[in-house]
């Protein structure tokens, strides 16, 4: 089973798994080459698929980090199927991730997909806190580092 297939059925988990194809701390980019993208997704990919995937990831990571998106607009076709209920879908991994992001937006949950603000981390996570105020991917790691850093800065200035 591929890393993408392990993401589960929650659209938030699919989007987060896709965003975390870029691991800043581990210096790993699962979208560095077409073969790496194919390995991560568990599906054959073309150079064009890789280009569109990188663009979607850049747009969604900027959105999750509260930054302006890249200037070039990205268009990814998604479909709405209405039978027993409405369902969004798209072709390939990029279409599926775009449909998952659209579903989150419709449900008012896309803003809960966030990027850790630690410059040496930048890991994507889904904020499951009640008041939607989670800031760090992990309070034990990145949150603690920030608290220690702030404490040292305050102590040094006194």
N, C-alpha and C. Protein backbone atom coordinates (compact mmCIF):
# COMPACT_ATOMS: atom_id res chain seq x y z
N UNK A 1 0.85 -1.18 0.00
CA UNK A 1 0.00 0.00 0.00
C UNK A 1 0.90 1.25 0.00
N UNK A 2 0.54 2.24 -0.79
CA UNK A 2 1.34 3.46 -0.90
C UNK A 2 1.05 4.40 0.27
N UNK A 3 1.92 5.39 0.44
CA UNK A 3 1.72 6.39 1.49
C UNK A 3 0.41 7.14 1.27
N UNK A 4 0.08 7.41 0.00
CA UNK A 4 -1.16 8.13 -0.30
C UNK A 4 -2.38 7.29 0.07
N UNK A 5 -2.33 6.01 -0.26
CA UNK A 5 -3.47 5.13 0.04
C UNK A 5 -3.65 4.94 1.54
N UNK A 6 -2.58 5.10 2.31
CA UNK A 6 -2.64 5.00 3.77
C UNK A 6 -3.36 6.19 4.40
N UNK A 7 -3.60 7.25 3.64
CA UNK A 7 -4.16 8.49 4.20
C UNK A 7 -5.58 8.31 4.73
N UNK A 8 -6.31 7.35 4.27
CA UNK A 8 -7.66 7.13 4.78
C UNK A 8 -8.72 7.87 3.98
N UNK A 9 -9.93 7.88 4.50
CA UNK A 9 -11.07 8.44 3.77
C UNK A 9 -11.40 9.88 4.12
N UNK A 10 -10.90 10.39 5.24
CA UNK A 10 -11.19 11.78 5.61
C UNK A 10 -10.45 12.68 4.64
N UNK A 11 -11.15 13.59 3.97
CA UNK A 11 -10.47 14.47 3.02
C UNK A 11 -9.34 15.28 3.67
N UNK A 12 -9.46 15.59 4.95
CA UNK A 12 -8.40 16.33 5.64
C UNK A 12 -7.12 15.50 5.67
N UNK A 13 -7.25 14.21 5.93
CA UNK A 13 -6.08 13.34 5.96
C UNK A 13 -5.44 13.21 4.57
N UNK A 14 -6.27 13.19 3.53
CA UNK A 14 -5.74 13.12 2.17
C UNK A 14 -4.96 14.38 1.82
N UNK A 15 -5.51 15.54 2.16
CA UNK A 15 -4.84 16.80 1.86
C UNK A 15 -3.54 16.91 2.66
N UNK A 16 -3.57 16.59 3.94
CA UNK A 16 -2.38 16.67 4.78
C UNK A 16 -1.30 15.71 4.27
N UNK A 17 -1.67 14.50 3.91
CA UNK A 17 -0.69 13.54 3.38
C UNK A 17 -0.04 14.10 2.11
N UNK A 18 -0.84 14.72 1.26
CA UNK A 18 -0.30 15.30 0.04
C UNK A 18 0.64 16.47 0.35
N UNK A 19 0.25 17.34 1.27
CA UNK A 19 1.10 18.47 1.62
C UNK A 19 2.41 18.01 2.23
N UNK A 20 2.37 16.90 2.96
CA UNK A 20 3.58 16.40 3.62
C UNK A 20 4.47 15.56 2.70
N UNK A 21 4.21 15.65 1.39
CA UNK A 21 5.18 15.09 0.45
C UNK A 21 6.45 15.93 0.46
N UNK A 22 6.36 17.10 1.06
CA UNK A 22 7.53 17.96 1.27
C UNK A 22 7.85 17.94 2.76
N UNK A 23 9.00 17.38 3.10
CA UNK A 23 9.45 17.29 4.49
C UNK A 23 10.66 18.19 4.65
N UNK A 24 10.45 19.40 5.15
CA UNK A 24 11.51 20.40 5.28
C UNK A 24 12.57 19.92 6.27
N UNK A 25 12.13 19.39 7.40
CA UNK A 25 13.07 18.96 8.43
C UNK A 25 13.94 17.79 7.95
N UNK A 26 13.32 16.83 7.29
CA UNK A 26 14.07 15.67 6.80
C UNK A 26 14.70 15.89 5.44
N UNK A 27 14.47 17.05 4.85
CA UNK A 27 14.96 17.41 3.52
C UNK A 27 14.60 16.31 2.50
N UNK A 28 13.30 16.00 2.46
CA UNK A 28 12.79 14.98 1.55
C UNK A 28 11.63 15.57 0.77
N UNK A 29 11.67 15.41 -0.54
CA UNK A 29 10.58 15.85 -1.40
C UNK A 29 10.11 14.64 -2.20
N UNK A 30 8.93 14.13 -1.86
CA UNK A 30 8.39 12.96 -2.55
C UNK A 30 7.89 13.31 -3.95
N UNK A 31 7.91 14.60 -4.29
CA UNK A 31 7.56 15.05 -5.64
C UNK A 31 8.78 15.57 -6.37
N UNK A 32 9.96 15.09 -6.00
CA UNK A 32 11.19 15.55 -6.64
C UNK A 32 11.31 14.99 -8.06
N UNK A 33 10.89 13.76 -8.24
CA UNK A 33 10.96 13.13 -9.56
C UNK A 33 9.66 12.39 -9.83
N UNK A 34 9.44 12.08 -11.09
CA UNK A 34 8.24 11.34 -11.48
C UNK A 34 8.21 9.98 -10.80
N UNK A 35 9.34 9.31 -10.71
CA UNK A 35 9.35 7.98 -10.09
C UNK A 35 9.09 8.06 -8.59
N UNK A 36 9.59 9.10 -7.92
CA UNK A 36 9.31 9.26 -6.49
C UNK A 36 7.82 9.55 -6.27
N UNK A 37 7.24 10.36 -7.13
CA UNK A 37 5.81 10.65 -7.04
C UNK A 37 5.00 9.37 -7.26
N UNK A 38 5.40 8.56 -8.24
CA UNK A 38 4.71 7.29 -8.51
C UNK A 38 4.84 6.35 -7.30
N UNK A 39 6.02 6.30 -6.69
CA UNK A 39 6.21 5.46 -5.50
C UNK A 39 5.31 5.93 -4.36
N UNK A 40 5.25 7.24 -4.14
CA UNK A 40 4.45 7.78 -3.05
C UNK A 40 2.96 7.52 -3.30
N UNK A 41 2.51 7.74 -4.52
CA UNK A 41 1.08 7.64 -4.83
C UNK A 41 0.62 6.20 -5.09
N UNK A 42 1.56 5.33 -5.44
CA UNK A 42 1.18 3.96 -5.78
C UNK A 42 0.57 3.83 -7.16
N UNK A 43 0.78 4.85 -8.00
CA UNK A 43 0.21 4.86 -9.35
C UNK A 43 1.25 5.38 -10.34
N UNK A 44 1.20 4.94 -11.58
CA UNK A 44 2.11 5.51 -12.58
C UNK A 44 1.84 7.00 -12.75
N UNK A 45 2.89 7.79 -12.97
CA UNK A 45 2.76 9.24 -13.14
C UNK A 45 3.59 9.68 -14.34
N UNK A 46 3.14 10.76 -14.97
CA UNK A 46 3.88 11.34 -16.09
C UNK A 46 4.58 12.61 -15.60
N UNK A 47 5.45 13.15 -16.44
CA UNK A 47 6.11 14.41 -16.10
C UNK A 47 5.07 15.53 -15.92
N UNK A 48 4.02 15.53 -16.74
CA UNK A 48 2.96 16.54 -16.62
C UNK A 48 2.20 16.36 -15.31
N UNK A 49 1.92 15.10 -14.93
CA UNK A 49 1.27 14.84 -13.64
C UNK A 49 2.09 15.42 -12.50
N UNK A 50 3.39 15.22 -12.57
CA UNK A 50 4.30 15.72 -11.53
C UNK A 50 4.26 17.24 -11.47
N UNK A 51 4.28 17.89 -12.62
CA UNK A 51 4.24 19.36 -12.68
C UNK A 51 2.97 19.90 -12.05
N UNK A 52 1.83 19.30 -12.38
CA UNK A 52 0.55 19.76 -11.83
C UNK A 52 0.49 19.46 -10.32
N UNK A 53 1.01 18.31 -9.90
CA UNK A 53 1.02 17.96 -8.48
C UNK A 53 1.85 18.96 -7.68
N UNK A 54 3.01 19.32 -8.18
CA UNK A 54 3.85 20.31 -7.49
C UNK A 54 3.12 21.65 -7.38
N UNK A 55 2.46 22.05 -8.45
CA UNK A 55 1.74 23.32 -8.46
C UNK A 55 0.60 23.29 -7.44
N UNK A 56 -0.17 22.20 -7.42
CA UNK A 56 -1.26 22.09 -6.44
C UNK A 56 -0.69 22.12 -5.03
N UNK A 57 0.39 21.39 -4.80
CA UNK A 57 0.98 21.38 -3.46
C UNK A 57 1.43 22.78 -3.06
N UNK A 58 2.07 23.52 -3.98
CA UNK A 58 2.50 24.88 -3.67
C UNK A 58 1.31 25.77 -3.30
N UNK A 59 0.23 25.66 -4.06
CA UNK A 59 -0.97 26.46 -3.78
C UNK A 59 -1.58 26.10 -2.43
N UNK A 60 -1.73 24.81 -2.17
CA UNK A 60 -2.36 24.39 -0.91
C UNK A 60 -1.47 24.66 0.30
N UNK A 61 -0.15 24.51 0.15
CA UNK A 61 0.75 24.81 1.28
C UNK A 61 0.72 26.31 1.60
N UNK A 62 0.67 27.15 0.57
CA UNK A 62 0.59 28.59 0.81
C UNK A 62 -0.71 28.92 1.54
N UNK A 63 -1.81 28.34 1.11
CA UNK A 63 -3.10 28.56 1.75
C UNK A 63 -3.06 28.12 3.21
N UNK A 64 -2.51 26.93 3.46
CA UNK A 64 -2.45 26.39 4.83
C UNK A 64 -1.53 27.21 5.73
N UNK A 65 -0.52 27.84 5.14
CA UNK A 65 0.42 28.65 5.91
C UNK A 65 -0.06 30.09 6.06
N UNK A 66 -1.19 30.44 5.43
CA UNK A 66 -1.69 31.81 5.50
C UNK A 66 -0.88 32.77 4.65
N UNK A 67 -0.24 32.25 3.62
CA UNK A 67 0.58 33.06 2.72
C UNK A 67 -0.15 33.25 1.40
N UNK A 68 0.24 34.26 0.62
CA UNK A 68 -0.40 34.41 -0.69
C UNK A 68 -0.03 33.23 -1.59
N UNK A 69 -0.98 32.76 -2.38
CA UNK A 69 -0.69 31.63 -3.27
C UNK A 69 0.23 32.07 -4.42
N UNK A 70 0.84 31.12 -5.09
CA UNK A 70 1.62 31.48 -6.28
C UNK A 70 0.74 32.26 -7.25
N UNK A 71 1.36 33.10 -8.04
CA UNK A 71 0.60 34.00 -8.91
C UNK A 71 -0.15 33.29 -10.03
N UNK A 72 0.40 32.20 -10.53
CA UNK A 72 -0.25 31.51 -11.64
C UNK A 72 -1.46 30.73 -11.13
N UNK A 73 -2.64 30.97 -11.74
CA UNK A 73 -3.83 30.25 -11.29
C UNK A 73 -3.70 28.77 -11.63
N UNK A 74 -4.28 27.94 -10.80
CA UNK A 74 -4.25 26.50 -11.02
C UNK A 74 -5.66 26.02 -11.25
N UNK A 75 -5.87 25.30 -12.33
CA UNK A 75 -7.18 24.76 -12.64
C UNK A 75 -7.08 23.23 -12.65
N UNK A 76 -7.83 22.62 -11.77
CA UNK A 76 -7.87 21.16 -11.68
C UNK A 76 -9.32 20.75 -11.79
N UNK A 77 -9.68 19.98 -12.83
CA UNK A 77 -11.09 19.60 -12.97
C UNK A 77 -11.51 18.59 -11.89
N UNK A 78 -12.67 18.86 -11.31
CA UNK A 78 -13.29 17.92 -10.39
C UNK A 78 -14.73 17.72 -10.83
N UNK A 79 -15.30 16.61 -10.44
CA UNK A 79 -16.66 16.28 -10.85
C UNK A 79 -17.56 16.15 -9.63
N UNK A 80 -18.83 16.46 -9.83
CA UNK A 80 -19.84 16.27 -8.79
C UNK A 80 -20.76 15.15 -9.27
N UNK A 81 -20.90 14.13 -8.47
CA UNK A 81 -21.80 13.03 -8.77
C UNK A 81 -22.94 13.08 -7.77
N UNK A 82 -24.15 13.07 -8.27
CA UNK A 82 -25.32 13.12 -7.39
C UNK A 82 -26.10 11.81 -7.58
N UNK A 83 -26.13 11.01 -6.53
CA UNK A 83 -26.95 9.80 -6.53
C UNK A 83 -27.65 9.75 -5.19
N UNK A 84 -27.18 8.94 -4.27
CA UNK A 84 -27.77 8.93 -2.92
C UNK A 84 -27.37 10.19 -2.14
N UNK A 85 -26.38 10.87 -2.63
CA UNK A 85 -25.88 12.11 -2.05
C UNK A 85 -24.90 12.70 -3.03
N UNK A 86 -24.43 13.88 -2.78
CA UNK A 86 -23.47 14.51 -3.67
C UNK A 86 -22.06 14.06 -3.30
N UNK A 87 -21.23 13.81 -4.31
CA UNK A 87 -19.86 13.37 -4.08
C UNK A 87 -18.95 14.10 -5.06
N UNK A 88 -17.84 14.63 -4.54
CA UNK A 88 -16.85 15.27 -5.39
C UNK A 88 -15.76 14.26 -5.70
N UNK A 89 -15.27 14.27 -6.93
CA UNK A 89 -14.18 13.38 -7.31
C UNK A 89 -13.36 14.04 -8.40
N UNK A 90 -12.19 13.49 -8.63
CA UNK A 90 -11.33 13.99 -9.68
C UNK A 90 -10.47 12.87 -10.22
N UNK A 91 -9.91 13.10 -11.38
CA UNK A 91 -9.07 12.08 -12.02
C UNK A 91 -7.66 12.13 -11.46
N UNK A 92 -7.13 10.97 -11.13
CA UNK A 92 -5.76 10.89 -10.64
C UNK A 92 -5.63 11.46 -9.24
N UNK A 93 -4.42 11.39 -8.72
CA UNK A 93 -4.16 11.86 -7.36
C UNK A 93 -4.44 13.35 -7.24
N UNK A 94 -4.02 14.14 -8.21
CA UNK A 94 -4.22 15.58 -8.14
C UNK A 94 -5.71 15.92 -8.12
N UNK A 95 -6.47 15.27 -8.95
CA UNK A 95 -7.92 15.51 -8.96
C UNK A 95 -8.56 15.09 -7.66
N UNK A 96 -8.11 13.97 -7.09
CA UNK A 96 -8.65 13.50 -5.82
C UNK A 96 -8.31 14.47 -4.69
N UNK A 97 -7.08 14.97 -4.68
CA UNK A 97 -6.68 15.91 -3.63
C UNK A 97 -7.42 17.24 -3.80
N UNK A 98 -7.56 17.69 -5.03
CA UNK A 98 -8.31 18.93 -5.28
C UNK A 98 -9.77 18.77 -4.85
N UNK A 99 -10.36 17.60 -5.12
CA UNK A 99 -11.74 17.34 -4.69
C UNK A 99 -11.81 17.29 -3.17
N UNK A 100 -10.82 16.70 -2.52
CA UNK A 100 -10.79 16.65 -1.05
C UNK A 100 -10.69 18.06 -0.48
N UNK A 101 -9.84 18.91 -1.07
CA UNK A 101 -9.70 20.30 -0.61
C UNK A 101 -11.01 21.06 -0.82
N UNK A 102 -11.67 20.83 -1.96
CA UNK A 102 -12.95 21.49 -2.23
C UNK A 102 -14.00 21.05 -1.21
N UNK A 103 -14.01 19.76 -0.90
CA UNK A 103 -14.97 19.26 0.10
C UNK A 103 -14.71 19.90 1.46
N UNK A 104 -13.44 20.02 1.85
CA UNK A 104 -13.11 20.69 3.11
C UNK A 104 -13.58 22.13 3.10
N UNK A 105 -13.38 22.81 1.97
CA UNK A 105 -13.81 24.21 1.86
C UNK A 105 -15.33 24.31 2.00
N UNK A 106 -16.06 23.43 1.34
CA UNK A 106 -17.52 23.44 1.41
C UNK A 106 -17.99 23.18 2.84
N UNK A 107 -17.29 22.28 3.54
CA UNK A 107 -17.64 21.93 4.92
C UNK A 107 -17.13 22.95 5.93
N UNK A 108 -16.39 23.96 5.47
CA UNK A 108 -15.84 24.97 6.37
C UNK A 108 -14.67 24.46 7.19
N UNK A 109 -13.97 23.44 6.69
CA UNK A 109 -12.86 22.85 7.44
C UNK A 109 -11.49 23.09 6.81
N UNK A 110 -11.43 23.70 5.65
CA UNK A 110 -10.14 23.87 4.98
C UNK A 110 -9.18 24.73 5.81
N UNK A 111 -9.69 25.69 6.53
CA UNK A 111 -8.86 26.54 7.38
C UNK A 111 -8.22 25.80 8.54
N UNK A 112 -8.66 24.59 8.79
CA UNK A 112 -8.08 23.78 9.86
C UNK A 112 -6.85 23.01 9.38
N UNK A 113 -6.61 23.00 8.08
CA UNK A 113 -5.37 22.44 7.55
C UNK A 113 -4.33 23.54 7.68
N UNK A 114 -3.28 23.26 8.44
CA UNK A 114 -2.29 24.29 8.76
C UNK A 114 -0.88 23.78 8.53
N UNK A 115 0.05 24.73 8.45
CA UNK A 115 1.48 24.42 8.34
C UNK A 115 2.15 24.87 9.62
N UNK A 116 2.95 24.01 10.21
CA UNK A 116 3.68 24.36 11.42
C UNK A 116 4.54 25.60 11.15
N UNK A 117 4.49 26.61 12.01
CA UNK A 117 5.24 27.84 11.75
C UNK A 117 6.75 27.71 12.00
N UNK A 118 7.20 26.61 12.58
CA UNK A 118 8.64 26.45 12.83
C UNK A 118 9.38 26.35 11.49
N UNK A 119 10.33 27.25 11.27
CA UNK A 119 11.06 27.29 10.00
C UNK A 119 11.77 25.99 9.67
N UNK A 120 12.19 25.25 10.70
CA UNK A 120 12.90 24.00 10.45
C UNK A 120 11.95 22.80 10.39
N UNK A 121 10.64 23.06 10.39
CA UNK A 121 9.66 21.98 10.36
C UNK A 121 8.75 22.12 9.14
N UNK A 122 7.80 23.05 9.21
CA UNK A 122 6.84 23.34 8.14
C UNK A 122 5.98 22.12 7.78
N UNK A 123 5.73 21.23 8.77
CA UNK A 123 4.92 20.05 8.57
C UNK A 123 3.45 20.44 8.53
N UNK A 124 2.67 19.84 7.65
CA UNK A 124 1.24 20.11 7.58
C UNK A 124 0.52 19.25 8.61
N UNK A 125 -0.55 19.80 9.17
CA UNK A 125 -1.37 19.05 10.12
C UNK A 125 -2.80 19.55 10.06
N UNK A 126 -3.70 18.76 10.59
CA UNK A 126 -5.10 19.15 10.67
C UNK A 126 -5.42 19.50 12.12
N UNK A 127 -5.90 20.70 12.33
CA UNK A 127 -6.20 21.20 13.67
C UNK A 127 -7.53 20.61 14.15
N UNK A 128 -7.45 19.64 15.04
CA UNK A 128 -8.64 18.99 15.58
C UNK A 128 -9.05 19.57 16.94
N UNK A 129 -8.39 20.67 17.36
CA UNK A 129 -8.74 21.26 18.65
C UNK A 129 -10.14 21.87 18.58
N UNK A 130 -10.80 21.95 19.74
CA UNK A 130 -12.17 22.45 19.79
C UNK A 130 -12.29 23.89 19.28
N UNK A 131 -11.34 24.73 19.67
CA UNK A 131 -11.44 26.14 19.29
C UNK A 131 -10.59 26.50 18.07
N UNK A 132 -10.06 25.50 17.39
CA UNK A 132 -9.30 25.68 16.14
C UNK A 132 -8.06 26.55 16.33
N UNK A 133 -7.45 26.48 17.50
CA UNK A 133 -6.32 27.38 17.80
C UNK A 133 -4.96 26.69 17.84
N UNK A 134 -4.91 25.44 17.46
CA UNK A 134 -3.63 24.73 17.49
C UNK A 134 -2.65 25.43 16.55
N UNK A 135 -1.42 25.62 17.02
CA UNK A 135 -0.42 26.32 16.21
C UNK A 135 0.68 25.41 15.70
N UNK A 136 1.02 24.39 16.46
CA UNK A 136 2.20 23.59 16.15
C UNK A 136 1.80 22.20 15.68
N UNK A 137 2.65 21.61 14.86
CA UNK A 137 2.39 20.23 14.44
C UNK A 137 2.43 19.33 15.67
N UNK A 138 3.32 19.65 16.59
CA UNK A 138 3.46 18.89 17.83
C UNK A 138 3.87 19.86 18.94
N UNK A 139 3.07 19.94 19.96
CA UNK A 139 3.42 20.81 21.09
C UNK A 139 4.66 20.28 21.79
N UNK A 140 4.83 18.96 21.81
CA UNK A 140 5.97 18.34 22.48
C UNK A 140 7.29 18.66 21.78
N UNK A 141 7.27 18.84 20.48
CA UNK A 141 8.51 19.10 19.74
C UNK A 141 8.60 20.57 19.35
N UNK A 142 7.88 20.97 18.33
CA UNK A 142 8.00 22.34 17.81
C UNK A 142 7.50 23.39 18.80
N UNK A 143 6.39 23.12 19.47
CA UNK A 143 5.88 24.06 20.45
C UNK A 143 6.84 24.25 21.61
N UNK A 144 7.41 23.15 22.06
CA UNK A 144 8.37 23.21 23.16
C UNK A 144 9.64 23.97 22.74
N UNK A 145 10.12 23.70 21.54
CA UNK A 145 11.31 24.42 21.04
C UNK A 145 11.05 25.93 21.03
N UNK A 146 9.86 26.32 20.57
CA UNK A 146 9.53 27.75 20.51
C UNK A 146 9.46 28.35 21.90
N UNK A 147 8.87 27.62 22.85
CA UNK A 147 8.80 28.12 24.22
C UNK A 147 10.19 28.28 24.83
N UNK A 148 11.06 27.32 24.61
CA UNK A 148 12.43 27.40 25.13
C UNK A 148 13.16 28.57 24.48
N UNK A 149 13.01 28.71 23.17
CA UNK A 149 13.67 29.81 22.46
C UNK A 149 13.18 31.16 22.99
N UNK A 150 11.87 31.31 23.19
CA UNK A 150 11.32 32.56 23.72
C UNK A 150 11.81 32.83 25.14
N UNK A 151 11.88 31.78 25.95
CA UNK A 151 12.37 31.93 27.32
C UNK A 151 13.83 32.39 27.34
N UNK A 152 14.64 31.80 26.48
CA UNK A 152 16.06 32.19 26.42
C UNK A 152 16.21 33.63 25.96
N UNK A 153 15.39 34.03 24.99
CA UNK A 153 15.46 35.42 24.52
C UNK A 153 15.05 36.40 25.61
N UNK A 154 14.01 36.06 26.37
CA UNK A 154 13.59 36.94 27.47
C UNK A 154 14.65 36.97 28.57
N UNK A 155 15.24 35.82 28.87
CA UNK A 155 16.27 35.74 29.92
C UNK A 155 17.53 36.50 29.52
N UNK A 156 17.88 36.47 28.26
CA UNK A 156 19.08 37.15 27.77
C UNK A 156 18.91 38.67 27.79
N UNK A 157 17.66 39.13 27.63
CA UNK A 157 17.42 40.57 27.59
C UNK A 157 17.31 41.18 29.00
N UNK A 158 17.28 40.37 30.03
CA UNK A 158 17.15 40.93 31.39
C UNK A 158 18.48 40.98 32.09
